[in-house]
Amino acid sequence: MFGEQTIAFVRLLPGDRVNDVLVKQIVRSATSIGANYMEADSAGTKKDFKYKIDLCRKEAKETKHWLRMIAKANQDKKEATRKLWQEAHELTLIFSSISLSCKKQ
């Protein structure tokens, strides 16, 4: 769902040299979160599960970075960007918590 929301959002951005680069980066990182979660869900081992969850966290953190850059390049989209950033932050916290609980087991 987050990847889909991000795709819908970036379609609203004007096409220019800066946004074209930012859009490619954020679409990769934001959609990777869901893909890695799907892989984690079907992981064969606890080690593989944790590795995929860590990738989810990494991609969520990277997505927050690209959202900050998009907000800087598109001042009129700050509110929409802030909402997506908050969701990416919540995903980061969720995946961090899952990863920590894997270490305790």
Protein backbone atom coordinates (compact mmCIF):
# COMPACT_ATOMS: atom_id res chain seq x y z
CA MET A 1 0.00 0.00 0.00
CA PHE A 2 2.80 2.45 0.88
CA GLY A 3 4.51 1.85 -2.46
CA GLU A 4 1.23 2.45 -4.25
CA GLN A 5 0.65 5.69 -2.34
CA THR A 6 4.14 6.83 -3.23
CA ILE A 7 3.61 6.09 -6.92
CA ALA A 8 0.34 8.05 -6.89
CA PHE A 9 2.09 10.96 -5.17
CA VAL A 10 5.05 11.18 -7.55
CA ARG A 11 2.71 11.21 -10.53
CA LEU A 12 1.60 14.64 -9.26
CA LEU A 13 5.11 16.09 -9.40
CA PRO A 14 6.15 18.21 -12.37
CA GLY A 15 8.62 16.60 -14.70
CA ASP A 16 12.01 18.31 -14.65
CA ARG A 17 15.65 17.25 -14.34
CA VAL A 18 15.66 17.25 -10.53
CA ASN A 19 12.30 15.55 -10.04
CA ASP A 20 13.07 12.92 -12.66
CA VAL A 21 16.09 11.77 -10.64
CA LEU A 22 14.28 11.96 -7.30
CA VAL A 23 11.24 10.09 -8.60
CA LYS A 24 13.36 7.20 -9.89
CA GLN A 25 15.10 6.89 -6.53
CA ILE A 26 11.99 7.07 -4.35
CA VAL A 27 9.97 4.69 -6.49
CA ARG A 28 12.78 2.14 -6.16
CA SER A 29 13.14 2.48 -2.40
CA ALA A 30 9.43 2.81 -1.54
CA THR A 31 8.31 -0.15 -3.63
CA SER A 32 11.24 -2.23 -2.39
CA ILE A 33 9.82 -2.09 1.14
CA GLY A 34 6.79 -4.15 0.18
CA ALA A 35 8.76 -6.51 -2.04
CA ASN A 36 11.22 -7.29 0.74
CA TYR A 37 8.41 -7.75 3.23
CA MET A 38 6.78 -10.28 0.90
CA GLU A 39 10.11 -12.12 0.74
CA ALA A 40 10.47 -11.99 4.53
CA ASP A 41 6.98 -13.42 4.91
CA SER A 42 8.00 -16.49 2.93
CA ALA A 43 11.53 -16.79 4.31
CA GLY A 44 12.72 -20.33 4.93
CA THR A 45 14.83 -19.55 7.97
CA LYS A 46 14.82 -17.08 10.86
CA LYS A 47 18.14 -15.72 9.63
CA ASP A 48 16.71 -15.04 6.17
CA PHE A 49 13.58 -13.50 7.72
CA LYS A 50 15.66 -11.10 9.81
CA TYR A 51 17.84 -10.21 6.81
CA LYS A 52 14.77 -9.30 4.72
CA ILE A 53 13.22 -7.32 7.59
CA ASP A 54 16.49 -5.40 7.92
CA LEU A 55 16.28 -4.63 4.20
CA CYS A 56 12.74 -3.32 4.72
CA ARG A 57 14.01 -1.01 7.46
CA LYS A 58 16.90 0.18 5.30
CA GLU A 59 14.62 0.95 2.35
CA ALA A 60 12.13 2.78 4.60
CA LYS A 61 14.96 4.96 5.95
CA GLU A 62 16.20 5.64 2.43
CA THR A 63 12.67 6.58 1.37
CA LYS A 64 12.56 9.17 4.16
CA HIS A 65 15.70 10.73 2.69
CA TRP A 66 14.21 10.95 -0.80
CA LEU A 67 11.01 12.43 0.61
CA ARG A 68 13.04 15.17 2.28
CA MET A 69 14.74 15.92 -1.03
CA ILE A 70 11.39 15.99 -2.86
CA ALA A 71 9.99 18.38 -0.25
CA LYS A 72 12.98 20.66 -0.77
CA ALA A 73 12.60 20.57 -4.57
CA ASN A 74 8.79 20.96 -4.46
CA GLN A 75 7.85 23.43 -1.74
CA ASP A 76 4.17 23.29 -2.75
CA LYS A 77 4.05 19.53 -1.99
CA LYS A 78 5.42 19.74 1.56
CA GLU A 79 2.23 18.61 3.28
CA ALA A 80 1.75 15.52 1.11
CA THR A 81 5.45 14.77 1.45
CA ARG A 82 5.25 15.11 5.24
CA LYS A 83 2.41 12.57 5.41
CA LEU A 84 4.38 10.04 3.38
CA TRP A 85 7.51 10.75 5.45
CA GLN A 86 5.55 10.04 8.64
CA GLU A 87 4.33 6.73 7.24
CA ALA A 88 7.86 5.78 6.17
CA HIS A 89 9.05 6.68 9.67
CA GLU A 90 6.38 4.45 11.22
CA LEU A 91 7.47 1.61 8.92
CA THR A 92 11.07 2.17 10.02
CA LEU A 93 10.03 1.85 13.66
CA ILE A 94 7.96 -1.27 12.98
CA PHE A 95 10.76 -3.02 11.11
CA SER A 96 13.29 -1.96 13.76
CA SER A 97 11.10 -3.50 16.44
CA ILE A 98 10.69 -6.73 14.49
CA SER A 99 14.42 -6.92 13.89
CA LEU A 100 15.16 -6.39 17.60
CA SER A 101 12.71 -9.11 18.58
CA CYS A 102 14.47 -11.50 16.17
CA LYS A 103 17.74 -10.93 18.00
CA LYS A 104 16.16 -11.82 21.34
CA GLN A 105 14.96 -15.22 20.15
